[in-house]
PDB file of N, CA and C in Angstrom:
ATOM      1  N   MET A   1       1.048  -0.964   0.254  1.00  0.00           N
ATOM      2  CA  MET A   1       0.251   0.318   0.049  1.00  0.00           C
ATOM      3  C   MET A   1       0.803   1.146   0.109  1.00  0.00           C
ATOM      4  N   GLY A   2       0.364   1.701  -1.070  1.00  0.00           N
ATOM      5  CA  GLY A   2       1.334   3.321  -1.200  1.00  0.00           C
ATOM      6  C   GLY A   2       0.948   4.479  -0.514  1.00  0.00           C
ATOM      7  N   ILE A   3       1.285   5.463  -0.791  1.00  0.00           N
ATOM      8  CA  ILE A   3       1.036   6.931  -0.138  1.00  0.00           C
ATOM      9  C   ILE A   3       0.657   7.262  -1.132  1.00  0.00           C
ATOM     10  N   ASN A   4      -0.761   7.931  -1.314  1.00  0.00           N
ATOM     11  CA  ASN A   4      -1.556   9.210  -1.704  1.00  0.00           C
ATOM     12  C   ASN A   4      -1.138  10.545  -1.491  1.00  0.00           C
ATOM     13  N   PHE A   5      -0.556  11.294  -2.590  1.00  0.00           N
ATOM     14  CA  PHE A   5      -0.211  11.539  -2.118  1.00  0.00           C
ATOM     15  C   PHE A   5      -0.865  12.923  -2.711  1.00  0.00           C
ATOM     16  N   ASN A   6      -2.125  13.120  -3.631  1.00  0.00           N
ATOM     17  CA  ASN A   6      -2.670  13.821  -3.868  1.00  0.00           C
ATOM     18  C   ASN A   6      -3.856  13.878  -2.904  1.00  0.00           C
ATOM     19  N   GLU A   7      -4.115  12.453  -2.073  1.00  0.00           N
ATOM     20  CA  GLU A   7      -4.809  13.290  -0.944  1.00  0.00           C
ATOM     21  C   GLU A   7      -4.426  14.030   0.382  1.00  0.00           C
ATOM     22  N   LEU A   8      -3.035  13.361   0.835  1.00  0.00           N
ATOM     23  CA  LEU A   8      -1.959  14.377   1.219  1.00  0.00           C
ATOM     24  C   LEU A   8      -2.096  15.595   1.027  1.00  0.00           C
ATOM     25  N   LYS A   9      -2.103  16.147  -0.286  1.00  0.00           N
ATOM     26  CA  LYS A   9      -2.020  17.863  -0.937  1.00  0.00           C
ATOM     27  C   LYS A   9      -3.629  18.053  -0.858  1.00  0.00           C
ATOM     28  N   LYS A  10      -4.430  17.801  -0.865  1.00  0.00           N
ATOM     29  CA  LYS A  10      -5.970  17.870  -0.613  1.00  0.00           C
ATOM     30  C   LYS A  10      -5.944  18.448   0.848  1.00  0.00           C
ATOM     31  N   LYS A  11      -5.780  17.923   1.396  1.00  0.00           N
ATOM     32  CA  LYS A  11      -5.596  18.119   3.148  1.00  0.00           C
ATOM     33  C   LYS A  11      -4.927  19.014   3.347  1.00  0.00           C
ATOM     34  N   ALA A  12      -3.613  19.628   2.840  1.00  0.00           N
ATOM     35  CA  ALA A  12      -3.095  20.170   3.253  1.00  0.00           C
ATOM     36  C   ALA A  12      -2.889  21.581   2.763  1.00  0.00           C
ATOM     37  N   GLN A  13      -3.853  21.438   1.354  1.00  0.00           N
ATOM     38  CA  GLN A  13      -4.969  22.778   1.582  1.00  0.00           C
ATOM     39  C   GLN A  13      -5.735  23.434   1.841  1.00  0.00           C
ATOM     40  N   ASP A  14      -6.459  21.957   2.193  1.00  0.00           N
ATOM     41  CA  ASP A  14      -7.622  22.231   2.877  1.00  0.00           C
ATOM     42  C   ASP A  14      -7.157  22.876   4.500  1.00  0.00           C
ATOM     43  N   ALA A  15      -6.070  22.182   5.390  1.00  0.00           N
ATOM     44  CA  ALA A  15      -5.964  23.540   6.394  1.00  0.00           C
ATOM     45  C   ALA A  15      -5.536  24.808   6.188  1.00  0.00           C
ATOM     46  N   LEU A  16      -4.705  24.993   4.704  1.00  0.00           N
ATOM     47  CA  LEU A  16      -4.224  25.795   4.797  1.00  0.00           C
ATOM     48  C   LEU A  16      -5.443  27.701   4.392  1.00  0.00           C
ATOM     49  N   SER A  17      -6.300  26.637   4.038  1.00  0.00           N
ATOM     50  CA  SER A  17      -7.787  27.360   3.254  1.00  0.00           C
ATOM     51  C   SER A  17      -8.057  27.591   5.144  1.00  0.00           C
ATOM     52  N   LYS A  18      -8.115  26.846   5.411  1.00  0.00           N
ATOM     53  CA  LYS A  18      -8.973  27.368   7.027  1.00  0.00           C
ATOM     54  C   LYS A  18      -8.569  28.169   8.102  1.00  0.00           C
ATOM     55  N   ASN A  19      -7.132  27.841   8.160  1.00  0.00           N
ATOM     56  CA  ASN A  19      -6.448  28.466   8.515  1.00  0.00           C
ATOM     57  C   ASN A  19      -5.722  29.450   7.801  1.00  0.00           C
ATOM     58  N   SER A  20      -5.825  30.206   6.863  1.00  0.00           N
ATOM     59  CA  SER A  20      -4.475  30.881   6.377  1.00  0.00           C
ATOM     60  C   SER A  20      -4.445  32.067   7.099  1.00  0.00           C
ATOM     61  N   ASP A  21      -5.674  32.879   7.824  1.00  0.00           N
ATOM     62  CA  ASP A  21      -5.194  33.780   8.510  1.00  0.00           C
ATOM     63  C   ASP A  21      -4.389  33.547   9.716  1.00  0.00           C
ATOM     64  N   LYS A  22      -4.584  32.952  10.228  1.00  0.00           N
ATOM     65  CA  LYS A  22      -3.390  32.110  11.550  1.00  0.00           C
ATOM     66  C   LYS A  22      -1.510  31.707  10.761  1.00  0.00           C
ATOM     67  N   VAL A  23      -1.358  31.027  10.041  1.00  0.00           N
ATOM     68  CA  VAL A  23      -0.243  30.939   8.694  1.00  0.00           C
ATOM     69  C   VAL A  23       0.500  32.599   8.464  1.00  0.00           C
ATOM     70  N   GLU A  24      -0.654  33.112   8.318  1.00  0.00           N
ATOM     71  CA  GLU A  24      -0.134  34.717   7.833  1.00  0.00           C
ATOM     72  C   GLU A  24       0.269  35.183   8.789  1.00  0.00           C
ATOM     73  N   GLN A  25      -0.895  35.200   9.656  1.00  0.00           N
ATOM     74  CA  GLN A  25      -0.307  36.052  11.371  1.00  0.00           C
ATOM     75  C   GLN A  25       1.156  35.396  11.871  1.00  0.00           C
ATOM     76  N   GLY A  26       1.473  33.971  11.560  1.00  0.00           N
ATOM     77  CA  GLY A  26       2.346  33.455  12.156  1.00  0.00           C
ATOM     78  C   GLY A  26       4.071  33.766  11.180  1.00  0.00           C
ATOM     79  N   LEU A  27       3.826  34.397   9.573  1.00  0.00           N
ATOM     80  CA  LEU A  27       4.767  34.877   9.562  1.00  0.00           C
ATOM     81  C   LEU A  27       4.786  36.002   9.002  1.00  0.00           C
ATOM     82  N   ASP A  28       4.521  37.329   9.831  1.00  0.00           N
ATOM     83  CA  ASP A  28       4.626  38.397  10.247  1.00  0.00           C
ATOM     84  C   ASP A  28       5.134  38.463  11.515  1.00  0.00           C
ATOM     85  N   LYS A  29       4.610  37.294  12.489  1.00  0.00           N
ATOM     86  CA  LYS A  29       5.515  36.742  13.544  1.00  0.00           C
ATOM     87  C   LYS A  29       6.752  36.740  13.363  1.00  0.00           C
ATOM     88  N   ALA A  30       7.306  36.126  11.982  1.00  0.00           N
ATOM     89  CA  ALA A  30       8.901  35.244  12.411  1.00  0.00           C
ATOM     90  C   ALA A  30       9.323  36.239  11.395  1.00  0.00           C
ATOM     91  N   SER A  31       9.187  37.208  10.525  1.00  0.00           N
ATOM     92  CA  SER A  31       9.255  38.399  10.042  1.00  0.00           C
ATOM     93  C   SER A  31       9.966  39.793  11.198  1.00  0.00           C
ATOM     94  N   GLY A  32       8.396  39.380  11.953  1.00  0.00           N
ATOM     95  CA  GLY A  32       8.814  40.493  12.648  1.00  0.00           C
ATOM     96  C   GLY A  32      10.254  39.999  13.618  1.00  0.00           C
ATOM     97  N   PHE A  33      10.924  38.776  14.058  1.00  0.00           N
ATOM     98  CA  PHE A  33      11.246  37.942  15.027  1.00  0.00           C
ATOM     99  C   PHE A  33      12.377  38.333  14.625  1.00  0.00           C
ATOM    100  N   ALA A  34      13.097  37.916  12.955  1.00  0.00           N
ATOM    101  CA  ALA A  34      13.987  37.771  11.865  1.00  0.00           C
ATOM    102  C   ALA A  34      15.186  39.381  11.974  1.00  0.00           C
ATOM    103  N   LYS A  35      13.870  40.036  11.540  1.00  0.00           N
ATOM    104  CA  LYS A  35      14.130  42.014  11.739  1.00  0.00           C
ATOM    105  C   LYS A  35      14.802  41.881  13.350  1.00  0.00           C
ATOM    106  N   SER A  36      14.207  41.535  14.169  1.00  0.00           N
ATOM    107  CA  SER A  36      14.818  41.786  14.918  1.00  0.00           C
ATOM    108  C   SER A  36      16.548  41.367  15.385  1.00  0.00           C
ATOM    109  N   LYS A  37      16.562  40.916  15.036  1.00  0.00           N
ATOM    110  CA  LYS A  37      18.293  39.652  15.263  1.00  0.00           C
ATOM    111  C   LYS A  37      18.949  39.864  14.059  1.00  0.00           C
ATOM    112  N   PHE A  38      17.939  40.316  12.358  1.00  0.00           N
ATOM    113  CA  PHE A  38      19.109  40.793  11.676  1.00  0.00           C
ATOM    114  C   PHE A  38      18.387  41.989  10.600  1.00  0.00           C
ATOM    115  N   GLY A  39      18.241  42.792  11.684  1.00  0.00           N
ATOM    116  CA  GLY A  39      17.771  44.522  10.919  1.00  0.00           C
ATOM    117  C   GLY A  39      18.263  45.129   9.214  1.00  0.00           C
ATOM    118  N   ASN A  40      20.176  44.941   9.773  1.00  0.00           N
ATOM    119  CA  ASN A  40      19.994  44.847   8.126  1.00  0.00           C
ATOM    120  C   ASN A  40      19.852  44.290   7.205  1.00  0.00           C
ATOM    121  N   LYS A  41      18.779  43.220   7.143  1.00  0.00           N
ATOM    122  CA  LYS A  41      18.476  42.226   6.054  1.00  0.00           C
ATOM    123  C   LYS A  41      17.443  42.283   5.993  1.00  0.00           C
ATOM    124  N   SER A  42      16.346  43.743   6.428  1.00  0.00           N
ATOM    125  CA  SER A  42      14.913  43.521   5.949  1.00  0.00           C
ATOM    126  C   SER A  42      14.520  43.732   5.239  1.00  0.00           C
ATOM    127  N   ASP A  43      15.204  44.126   4.181  1.00  0.00           N
ATOM    128  CA  ASP A  43      14.044  44.382   2.576  1.00  0.00           C
ATOM    129  C   ASP A  43      14.387  42.557   2.520  1.00  0.00           C
ATOM    130  N   GLN A  44      15.481  41.680   2.073  1.00  0.00           N
ATOM    131  CA  GLN A  44      15.398  40.540   2.227  1.00  0.00           C
ATOM    132  C   GLN A  44      14.178  40.078   2.529  1.00  0.00           C
ATOM    133  N   ILE A  45      13.566  40.005   3.676  1.00  0.00           N
ATOM    134  CA  ILE A  45      13.235  39.346   4.987  1.00  0.00           C
ATOM    135  C   ILE A  45      12.047  39.909   4.639  1.00  0.00           C
ATOM    136  N   ASP A  46      11.472  41.164   4.413  1.00  0.00           N
ATOM    137  CA  ASP A  46      10.280  41.997   3.143  1.00  0.00           C
ATOM    138  C   ASP A  46      10.014  40.402   2.421  1.00  0.00           C
ATOM    139  N   ASN A  47      10.812  40.782   1.690  1.00  0.00           N
ATOM    140  CA  ASN A  47      10.812  39.987   0.204  1.00  0.00           C
ATOM    141  C   ASN A  47      10.191  38.719   0.507  1.00  0.00           C
ATOM    142  N   ALA A  48      10.907  37.866   1.121  1.00  0.00           N
ATOM    143  CA  ALA A  48      10.453  36.372   1.181  1.00  0.00           C
ATOM    144  C   ALA A  48       9.283  36.130   2.159  1.00  0.00           C
ATOM    145  N   THR A  49       9.076  37.396   3.355  1.00  0.00           N
ATOM    146  CA  THR A  49       7.576  37.201   3.779  1.00  0.00           C
ATOM    147  C   THR A  49       6.047  37.331   2.751  1.00  0.00           C
ATOM    148  N   LYS A  50       6.768  38.003   1.662  1.00  0.00           N
ATOM    149  CA  LYS A  50       5.588  38.141   0.593  1.00  0.00           C
ATOM    150  C   LYS A  50       5.665  37.318   0.066  1.00  0.00           C
ATOM    151  N   LYS A  51       6.587  37.018  -0.746  1.00  0.00           N
ATOM    152  CA  LYS A  51       6.691  35.684  -1.493  1.00  0.00           C
ATOM    153  C   LYS A  51       5.786  34.400  -0.542  1.00  0.00           C
ATOM    154  N   ALA A  52       6.317  34.063   0.737  1.00  0.00           N
ATOM    155  CA  ALA A  52       5.581  33.002   1.137  1.00  0.00           C
ATOM    156  C   ALA A  52       4.617  33.478   1.456  1.00  0.00           C
ATOM    157  N   LYS A  53       3.939  34.496   1.616  1.00  0.00           N
ATOM    158  CA  LYS A  53       1.839  34.631   1.296  1.00  0.00           C
ATOM    159  C   LYS A  53       1.723  34.710   0.380  1.00  0.00           C
ATOM    160  N   GLU A  54       2.030  34.918  -0.996  1.00  0.00           N
ATOM    161  CA  GLU A  54       1.565  35.023  -1.972  1.00  0.00           C
ATOM    162  C   GLU A  54       1.696  33.189  -2.102  1.00  0.00           C
ATOM    163  N   PHE A  55       2.951  32.483  -1.719  1.00  0.00           N
ATOM    164  CA  PHE A  55       2.463  31.029  -2.249  1.00  0.00           C
ATOM    165  C   PHE A  55       1.516  30.501  -1.611  1.00  0.00           C
ATOM    166  N   LEU A  56       1.062  30.662   0.088  1.00  0.00           N
ATOM    167  CA  LEU A  56      -0.046  30.400   1.162  1.00  0.00           C
ATOM    168  C   LEU A  56      -1.300  30.467   0.170  1.00  0.00           C
ATOM    169  N   HIS A  57      -1.139  31.961  -0.501  1.00  0.00           N
ATOM    170  CA  HIS A  57      -2.548  32.143  -1.117  1.00  0.00           C
ATOM    171  C   HIS A  57      -2.983  31.330  -2.477  1.00  0.00           C
ATOM    172  N   LYS A  58      -2.042  31.300  -2.900  1.00  0.00           N
ATOM    173  CA  LYS A  58      -2.271  30.416  -4.603  1.00  0.00           C
ATOM    174  C   LYS A  58      -2.549  28.743  -4.255  1.00  0.00           C
ATOM    175  N   ASN A  59      -1.701  28.303  -2.974  1.00  0.00           N
ATOM    176  CA  ASN A  59      -1.596  26.769  -2.794  1.00  0.00           C
ATOM    177  C   ASN A  59      -2.400  26.702  -1.402  1.00  0.00           C
ATOM    178  N   ALA A  60      -3.841  27.517  -1.422  1.00  0.00           N
ATOM    179  CA  ALA A  60      -4.921  27.170   0.228  1.00  0.00           C
ATOM    180  C   ALA A  60      -5.569  27.114  -0.322  1.00  0.00           C
ATOM    181  N   GLY A  61      -5.820  26.085  -1.500  1.00  0.00           N
ATOM    182  CA  GLY A  61      -7.214  25.285  -2.351  1.00  0.00           C
ATOM    183  C   GLY A  61      -8.273  26.497  -2.231  1.00  0.00           C
ATOM    184  N   GLY A  62      -9.571  25.821  -2.006  1.00  0.00           N
ATOM    185  CA  GLY A  62     -10.517  26.918  -2.587  1.00  0.00           C
ATOM    186  C   GLY A  62     -10.746  26.841  -3.415  1.00  0.00           C
ATOM    187  N   GLU A  63     -11.810  27.682  -3.944  1.00  0.00           N
ATOM    188  CA  GLU A  63     -11.952  27.936  -6.014  1.00  0.00           C
ATOM    189  C   GLU A  63     -10.621  27.434  -7.067  1.00  0.00           C
ATOM    190  N   GLY A  64     -10.127  27.034  -7.212  1.00  0.00           N
ATOM    191  CA  GLY A  64      -9.047  26.341  -8.125  1.00  0.00           C
ATOM    192  C   GLY A  64      -7.645  26.522  -7.994  1.00  0.00           C
ATOM    193  N   GLY A  65      -7.811  26.882  -6.615  1.00  0.00           N
ATOM    194  CA  GLY A  65      -6.330  27.105  -6.282  1.00  0.00           C
ATOM    195  C   GLY A  65      -5.443  27.667  -6.517  1.00  0.00           C
ATOM    196  N   GLY A  66      -5.463  28.571  -6.873  1.00  0.00           N
ATOM    197  CA  GLY A  66      -4.907  29.614  -7.568  1.00  0.00           C
ATOM    198  C   GLY A  66      -3.984  29.100  -8.448  1.00  0.00           C
ATOM    199  N   GLN A  67      -4.958  28.563  -9.284  1.00  0.00           N
ATOM    200  CA  GLN A  67      -4.004  28.055 -10.707  1.00  0.00           C
ATOM    201  C   GLN A  67      -4.689  28.219 -11.625  1.00  0.00           C
ATOM    202  N   PRO A  68      -3.411  28.771 -12.145  1.00  0.00           N
ATOM    203  CA  PRO A  68      -3.622  30.184 -13.410  1.00  0.00           C
ATOM    204  C   PRO A  68      -4.876  29.481 -14.324  1.00  0.00           C
ATOM    205  N   GLY A  69      -5.807  30.139 -14.840  1.00  0.00           N
ATOM    206  CA  GLY A  69      -6.751  30.008 -15.760  1.00  0.00           C
ATOM    207  C   GLY A  69      -8.087  29.269 -14.793  1.00  0.00           C
ATOM    208  N   GLN A  70      -8.340  28.891 -14.062  1.00  0.00           N
ATOM    209  CA  GLN A  70      -9.108  28.067 -13.079  1.00  0.00           C
ATOM    210  C   GLN A  70      -9.888  29.220 -11.825  1.00  0.00           C
ATOM    211  N   GLY A  71      -9.586  30.388 -12.177  1.00  0.00           N
ATOM    212  CA  GLY A  71     -10.457  31.394 -11.200  1.00  0.00           C
ATOM    213  C   GLY A  71      -9.229  31.616  -9.772  1.00  0.00           C
ATOM    214  N   GLY A  72      -8.438  30.913  -9.277  1.00  0.00           N
ATOM    215  CA  GLY A  72      -7.968  31.433  -7.807  1.00  0.00           C
ATOM    216  C   GLY A  72      -7.400  33.042  -8.064  1.00  0.00           C
ATOM    217  N   PRO A  73      -6.978  33.001  -6.708  1.00  0.00           N
ATOM    218  CA  PRO A  73      -6.342  34.725  -7.120  1.00  0.00           C
ATOM    219  C   PRO A  73      -4.682  34.587  -7.679  1.00  0.00           C
ATOM    220  N   GLN A  74      -4.705  35.310  -8.249  1.00  0.00           N
ATOM    221  CA  GLN A  74      -3.321  35.666  -9.271  1.00  0.00           C
ATOM    222  C   GLN A  74      -2.877  36.620  -8.703  1.00  0.00           C
ATOM    223  N   THR A  75      -1.512  36.569  -9.049  1.00  0.00           N
ATOM    224  CA  THR A  75      -0.388  37.844  -8.715  1.00  0.00           C
ATOM    225  C   THR A  75       0.086  38.353  -9.658  1.00  0.00           C
ATOM    226  N   PRO A  76      -0.133  39.955  -9.999  1.00  0.00           N
ATOM    227  CA  PRO A  76       0.292  40.889 -10.447  1.00  0.00           C
ATOM    228  C   PRO A  76       1.682  40.770 -11.016  1.00  0.00           C
ATOM    229  N   PRO A  77       2.485  40.592 -12.049  1.00  0.00           N
ATOM    230  CA  PRO A  77       3.394  40.298 -12.598  1.00  0.00           C
ATOM    231  C   PRO A  77       4.017  42.100 -12.171  1.00  0.00           C
ATOM    232  N   PRO A  78       5.788  41.270 -11.851  1.00  0.00           N
ATOM    233  CA  PRO A  78       6.341  42.643 -11.375  1.00  0.00           C
ATOM    234  C   PRO A  78       6.559  43.645 -12.194  1.00  0.00           C
ATOM    235  N   ASN A  79       6.627  44.988 -11.413  1.00  0.00           N
ATOM    236  CA  ASN A  79       6.741  46.130 -12.363  1.00  0.00           C
ATOM    237  C   ASN A  79       7.874  45.779 -12.747  1.00  0.00           C
ATOM    238  N   PRO A  80       8.315  46.620 -14.117  1.00  0.00           N
ATOM    239  CA  PRO A  80      10.049  46.633 -14.904  1.00  0.00           C
ATOM    240  C   PRO A  80      10.388  48.101 -14.290  1.00  0.00           C
ATOM    241  N   PRO A  81      12.010  47.406 -13.965  1.00  0.00           N
ATOM    242  CA  PRO A  81      12.837  48.846 -13.274  1.00  0.00           C
ATOM    243  C   PRO A  81      12.260  50.103 -14.440  1.00  0.00           C
ATOM    244  N   GLN A  82      12.792  51.038 -13.462  1.00  0.00           N
ATOM    245  CA  GLN A  82      12.429  52.651 -14.195  1.00  0.00           C
ATOM    246  C   GLN A  82      13.422  52.795 -14.079  1.00  0.00           C
ATOM    247  N   ASN A  83      14.053  53.616 -15.442  1.00  0.00           N
ATOM    248  CA  ASN A  83      15.301  54.469 -15.841  1.00  0.00           C
ATOM    249  C   ASN A  83      14.767  55.465 -15.411  1.00  0.00           C
ATOM    250  N   PRO A  84      16.112  56.160 -14.192  1.00  0.00           N
ATOM    251  CA  PRO A  84      16.021  57.500 -14.528  1.00  0.00           C
ATOM    252  C   PRO A  84      16.151  58.744 -15.741  1.00  0.00           C
TER     253      PRO A  84
END
């Protein structure tokens, strides 16, 4: 008898969708702690936190699970650098 990875994925998505606000609070708390220890890296910490939240919202399940073309939340493309 093998592991049903699709079932595990579904359970993880369900848990994320039901608790995404708590996970997001945890990310904010971890980010604040990391900034208190490594304040000179705050831009990188903020960037990592942002990416983790985007991943959370894309993979929380629900309508379409964030898959392109399936009605899930979409992340807009980054703005290109502006020349001064």
